[in-house]
Amino acid sequence: MPRQNTPPANYPQAVLRQIEQLAQNIVIARKRRGESQAQWARKLGISQPTMARIERGDPSVAMASYVMCLWLVNQAAGLADLIAPQNDHAALEKEVAKAQGKRKQAARPAPLAPIAFGTPQVSVSTPANQQPPASSAAAGLAALLGQSGPEKK
């Protein structure tokens, strides 16, 4: 079976910069605590050379090793929270756009049948209490959910 992994040399520069920044922050945290690479390596269950690679920002080091460093620095913070669904703004924007599209389709009035006796036709407009589209995805989604009731998950 062919290998599917992207070699680190082909990573986007933005990703490599983030790994380098993470590495620098790990070095600062370790030094502020007055501990050596060997001490941290023992705490993390990795070798000292792997700890040195982490501190150089080597993108080929296992993610678990980087996560263990993060945990060692701040055990209360959760890495997964960075990409929790409520923080995924691109997906929220798509959901808001999709919901707004469905609301616009549902809000369109059906064509009115002619009224007898020459009475002029009246078209139905959007209710006056309807909110304008939200400026942010999260606010828009909250507004849509608030106006349309709870949705199934």
C-alpha atoms as a PDB file:
ATOM      1  CA  MET A   1       0.000   0.000   0.000  1.00  0.00           C
ATOM      2  CA  PRO A   2       1.465   3.435  -0.919  1.00  0.00           C
ATOM      3  CA  ARG A   3       2.475   5.800   1.848  1.00  0.00           C
ATOM      4  CA  GLN A   4      -0.112   8.556   2.443  1.00  0.00           C
ATOM      5  CA  ASN A   5       1.784  10.864   4.831  1.00  0.00           C
ATOM      6  CA  THR A   6       2.850  14.310   3.686  1.00  0.00           C
ATOM      7  CA  PRO A   7       6.565  14.837   4.311  1.00  0.00           C
ATOM      8  CA  PRO A   8       7.279  17.756   6.684  1.00  0.00           C
ATOM      9  CA  ALA A   9       9.064  19.614   3.883  1.00  0.00           C
ATOM     10  CA  ASN A  10       5.704  19.875   2.103  1.00  0.00           C
ATOM     11  CA  TYR A  11       3.770  21.288   5.096  1.00  0.00           C
ATOM     12  CA  PRO A  12       2.358  24.800   4.619  1.00  0.00           C
ATOM     13  CA  GLN A  13       4.677  27.482   6.001  1.00  0.00           C
ATOM     14  CA  ALA A  14       1.949  28.646   8.389  1.00  0.00           C
ATOM     15  CA  VAL A  15       1.849  25.185   9.963  1.00  0.00           C
ATOM     16  CA  LEU A  16       5.633  25.045  10.308  1.00  0.00           C
ATOM     17  CA  ARG A  17       5.628  28.492  11.943  1.00  0.00           C
ATOM     18  CA  GLN A  18       2.989  27.360  14.433  1.00  0.00           C
ATOM     19  CA  ILE A  19       5.050  24.293  15.346  1.00  0.00           C
ATOM     20  CA  GLU A  20       8.147  26.495  15.762  1.00  0.00           C
ATOM     21  CA  GLN A  21       6.194  28.874  18.029  1.00  0.00           C
ATOM     22  CA  LEU A  22       4.921  25.926  20.044  1.00  0.00           C
ATOM     23  CA  ALA A  23       8.492  24.660  20.400  1.00  0.00           C
ATOM     24  CA  GLN A  24       9.723  28.063  21.578  1.00  0.00           C
ATOM     25  CA  ASN A  25       6.944  28.240  24.158  1.00  0.00           C
ATOM     26  CA  ILE A  26       7.812  24.760  25.419  1.00  0.00           C
ATOM     27  CA  VAL A  27      11.466  25.804  25.835  1.00  0.00           C
ATOM     28  CA  ILE A  28      10.426  28.923  27.753  1.00  0.00           C
ATOM     29  CA  ALA A  29       8.087  26.937  30.025  1.00  0.00           C
ATOM     30  CA  ARG A  30      10.770  24.331  30.790  1.00  0.00           C
ATOM     31  CA  LYS A  31      13.444  26.939  31.495  1.00  0.00           C
ATOM     32  CA  ARG A  32      11.142  29.050  33.687  1.00  0.00           C
ATOM     33  CA  ARG A  33      10.633  25.952  35.808  1.00  0.00           C
ATOM     34  CA  GLY A  34      14.409  25.488  36.046  1.00  0.00           C
ATOM     35  CA  GLU A  35      14.286  21.976  34.613  1.00  0.00           C
ATOM     36  CA  SER A  36      16.498  20.241  32.086  1.00  0.00           C
ATOM     37  CA  GLN A  37      15.471  18.490  28.892  1.00  0.00           C
ATOM     38  CA  ALA A  38      16.330  15.186  30.560  1.00  0.00           C
ATOM     39  CA  GLN A  39      13.985  15.944  33.475  1.00  0.00           C
ATOM     40  CA  TRP A  40      11.124  16.785  31.149  1.00  0.00           C
ATOM     41  CA  ALA A  41      11.846  13.743  28.983  1.00  0.00           C
ATOM     42  CA  ARG A  42      11.562  11.492  32.080  1.00  0.00           C
ATOM     43  CA  LYS A  43       8.281  13.160  33.100  1.00  0.00           C
ATOM     44  CA  LEU A  44       6.887  12.725  29.600  1.00  0.00           C
ATOM     45  CA  GLY A  45       8.146   9.180  29.072  1.00  0.00           C
ATOM     46  CA  ILE A  46      10.214  10.114  26.027  1.00  0.00           C
ATOM     47  CA  SER A  47      13.936  10.170  25.319  1.00  0.00           C
ATOM     48  CA  GLN A  48      16.090  13.260  25.804  1.00  0.00           C
ATOM     49  CA  PRO A  49      16.865  13.376  22.052  1.00  0.00           C
ATOM     50  CA  THR A  50      13.107  13.429  21.342  1.00  0.00           C
ATOM     51  CA  MET A  51      12.720  16.276  23.830  1.00  0.00           C
ATOM     52  CA  ALA A  52      15.463  18.157  21.971  1.00  0.00           C
ATOM     53  CA  ARG A  53      13.628  17.551  18.665  1.00  0.00           C
ATOM     54  CA  ILE A  54      10.409  18.912  20.208  1.00  0.00           C
ATOM     55  CA  GLU A  55      12.245  22.046  21.298  1.00  0.00           C
ATOM     56  CA  ARG A  56      13.624  22.492  17.777  1.00  0.00           C
ATOM     57  CA  GLY A  57      10.090  22.323  16.402  1.00  0.00           C
ATOM     58  CA  ASP A  58      10.601  19.090  14.485  1.00  0.00           C
ATOM     59  CA  PRO A  59       7.240  18.428  12.764  1.00  0.00           C
ATOM     60  CA  SER A  60       7.965  14.692  12.499  1.00  0.00           C
ATOM     61  CA  VAL A  61       7.790  14.198  16.299  1.00  0.00           C
ATOM     62  CA  ALA A  62       4.596  12.402  17.286  1.00  0.00           C
ATOM     63  CA  MET A  63       1.719  14.715  18.104  1.00  0.00           C
ATOM     64  CA  ALA A  64       1.238  12.910  21.423  1.00  0.00           C
ATOM     65  CA  SER A  65       4.684  14.091  22.537  1.00  0.00           C
ATOM     66  CA  TYR A  66       3.778  17.720  21.840  1.00  0.00           C
ATOM     67  CA  VAL A  67       0.414  17.274  23.580  1.00  0.00           C
ATOM     68  CA  MET A  68       2.152  15.772  26.616  1.00  0.00           C
ATOM     69  CA  CYS A  69       4.355  18.886  26.789  1.00  0.00           C
ATOM     70  CA  LEU A  70       1.271  21.085  26.651  1.00  0.00           C
ATOM     71  CA  TRP A  71      -0.349  19.015  29.382  1.00  0.00           C
ATOM     72  CA  LEU A  72       2.769  19.269  31.527  1.00  0.00           C
ATOM     73  CA  VAL A  73       2.662  23.068  31.242  1.00  0.00           C
ATOM     74  CA  ASN A  74      -1.081  23.481  31.844  1.00  0.00           C
ATOM     75  CA  GLN A  75      -2.972  20.374  32.883  1.00  0.00           C
ATOM     76  CA  ALA A  76      -6.289  22.233  33.096  1.00  0.00           C
ATOM     77  CA  ALA A  77      -6.338  23.467  29.494  1.00  0.00           C
ATOM     78  CA  GLY A  78      -7.736  21.175  26.833  1.00  0.00           C
ATOM     79  CA  LEU A  79      -6.129  21.061  23.416  1.00  0.00           C
ATOM     80  CA  ALA A  80      -9.317  19.672  21.905  1.00  0.00           C
ATOM     81  CA  ASP A  81     -11.127  22.871  22.915  1.00  0.00           C
ATOM     82  CA  LEU A  82      -9.208  24.695  20.179  1.00  0.00           C
ATOM     83  CA  ILE A  83     -11.261  22.891  17.556  1.00  0.00           C
ATOM     84  CA  ALA A  84     -14.450  22.259  19.513  1.00  0.00           C
ATOM     85  CA  PRO A  85     -17.553  22.629  17.314  1.00  0.00           C
ATOM     86  CA  GLN A  86     -18.485  25.972  18.872  1.00  0.00           C
ATOM     87  CA  ASN A  87     -15.061  27.341  17.888  1.00  0.00           C
ATOM     88  CA  ASP A  88     -15.209  26.123  14.273  1.00  0.00           C
ATOM     89  CA  HIS A  89     -16.163  29.471  12.739  1.00  0.00           C
ATOM     90  CA  ALA A  90     -15.963  28.339   9.103  1.00  0.00           C
ATOM     91  CA  ALA A  91     -18.495  25.568   9.748  1.00  0.00           C
ATOM     92  CA  LEU A  92     -20.718  27.942  11.723  1.00  0.00           C
ATOM     93  CA  GLU A  93     -20.751  30.398   8.816  1.00  0.00           C
ATOM     94  CA  LYS A  94     -21.797  27.621   6.417  1.00  0.00           C
ATOM     95  CA  GLU A  95     -24.553  26.484   8.789  1.00  0.00           C
ATOM     96  CA  VAL A  96     -25.857  30.033   9.154  1.00  0.00           C
ATOM     97  CA  ALA A  97     -25.871  30.555   5.382  1.00  0.00           C
ATOM     98  CA  LYS A  98     -27.668  27.247   4.882  1.00  0.00           C
ATOM     99  CA  ALA A  99     -30.248  28.042   7.578  1.00  0.00           C
ATOM    100  CA  GLN A 100     -30.807  31.548   6.180  1.00  0.00           C
ATOM    101  CA  GLY A 101     -31.358  30.057   2.731  1.00  0.00           C
ATOM    102  CA  LYS A 102     -33.940  27.632   4.103  1.00  0.00           C
ATOM    103  CA  ARG A 103     -35.687  30.438   6.006  1.00  0.00           C
ATOM    104  CA  LYS A 104     -35.846  32.611   2.891  1.00  0.00           C
ATOM    105  CA  GLN A 105     -37.385  29.739   0.921  1.00  0.00           C
ATOM    106  CA  ALA A 106     -39.886  29.008   3.694  1.00  0.00           C
ATOM    107  CA  ALA A 107     -40.760  32.699   4.070  1.00  0.00           C
ATOM    108  CA  ARG A 108     -41.658  33.162   0.401  1.00  0.00           C
ATOM    109  CA  PRO A 109     -45.428  33.507   0.162  1.00  0.00           C
ATOM    110  CA  ALA A 110     -47.354  31.332  -2.230  1.00  0.00           C
ATOM    111  CA  PRO A 111     -48.840  33.206  -5.169  1.00  0.00           C
ATOM    112  CA  LEU A 112     -52.210  34.647  -4.241  1.00  0.00           C
ATOM    113  CA  ALA A 113     -55.289  33.600  -6.130  1.00  0.00           C
ATOM    114  CA  PRO A 114     -57.276  36.383  -7.750  1.00  0.00           C
ATOM    115  CA  ILE A 115     -59.867  37.820  -5.419  1.00  0.00           C
ATOM    116  CA  ALA A 116     -63.397  38.225  -6.680  1.00  0.00           C
ATOM    117  CA  PHE A 117     -65.196  41.561  -7.012  1.00  0.00           C
ATOM    118  CA  GLY A 118     -62.147  43.523  -8.208  1.00  0.00           C
ATOM    119  CA  THR A 119     -60.538  43.835  -4.789  1.00  0.00           C
ATOM    120  CA  PRO A 120     -56.820  44.586  -5.225  1.00  0.00           C
ATOM    121  CA  GLN A 121     -54.388  41.850  -4.264  1.00  0.00           C
ATOM    122  CA  VAL A 122     -52.207  42.284  -1.205  1.00  0.00           C
ATOM    123  CA  SER A 123     -48.825  40.633  -1.009  1.00  0.00           C
ATOM    124  CA  VAL A 124     -47.496  39.183   2.211  1.00  0.00           C
ATOM    125  CA  SER A 125     -44.245  40.738   3.419  1.00  0.00           C
ATOM    126  CA  THR A 126     -41.643  39.689   5.948  1.00  0.00           C
ATOM    127  CA  PRO A 127     -42.865  40.245   9.528  1.00  0.00           C
ATOM    128  CA  ALA A 128     -41.770  43.562  11.011  1.00  0.00           C
ATOM    129  CA  ASN A 129     -40.280  41.871  14.068  1.00  0.00           C
ATOM    130  CA  GLN A 130     -37.874  39.723  12.037  1.00  0.00           C
ATOM    131  CA  GLN A 131     -34.206  40.449  12.776  1.00  0.00           C
ATOM    132  CA  PRO A 132     -31.808  41.438   9.968  1.00  0.00           C
ATOM    133  CA  PRO A 133     -29.082  38.938   9.064  1.00  0.00           C
ATOM    134  CA  ALA A 134     -26.410  38.676  11.765  1.00  0.00           C
ATOM    135  CA  SER A 135     -22.968  40.106  11.173  1.00  0.00           C
ATOM    136  CA  SER A 136     -21.167  37.079  12.568  1.00  0.00           C
ATOM    137  CA  ALA A 137     -21.753  33.391  12.052  1.00  0.00           C
ATOM    138  CA  ALA A 138     -22.227  32.589  15.727  1.00  0.00           C
ATOM    139  CA  ALA A 139     -24.663  35.465  16.305  1.00  0.00           C
ATOM    140  CA  GLY A 140     -26.554  34.541  13.155  1.00  0.00           C
ATOM    141  CA  LEU A 141     -26.835  30.916  14.166  1.00  0.00           C
ATOM    142  CA  ALA A 142     -27.976  31.907  17.648  1.00  0.00           C
ATOM    143  CA  ALA A 143     -30.578  34.270  16.173  1.00  0.00           C
ATOM    144  CA  LEU A 144     -31.846  31.604  13.791  1.00  0.00           C
ATOM    145  CA  LEU A 145     -32.064  28.997  16.506  1.00  0.00           C
ATOM    146  CA  GLY A 146     -33.817  31.458  18.807  1.00  0.00           C
ATOM    147  CA  GLN A 147     -36.398  32.374  16.163  1.00  0.00           C
ATOM    148  CA  SER A 148     -37.070  28.908  14.827  1.00  0.00           C
ATOM    149  CA  GLY A 149     -37.105  26.972  18.119  1.00  0.00           C
ATOM    150  CA  PRO A 150     -34.855  24.129  19.235  1.00  0.00           C
ATOM    151  CA  GLU A 151     -33.345  21.978  16.580  1.00  0.00           C
ATOM    152  CA  LYS A 152     -32.555  18.281  16.741  1.00  0.00           C
ATOM    153  CA  LYS A 153     -28.881  17.350  17.016  1.00  0.00           C
END
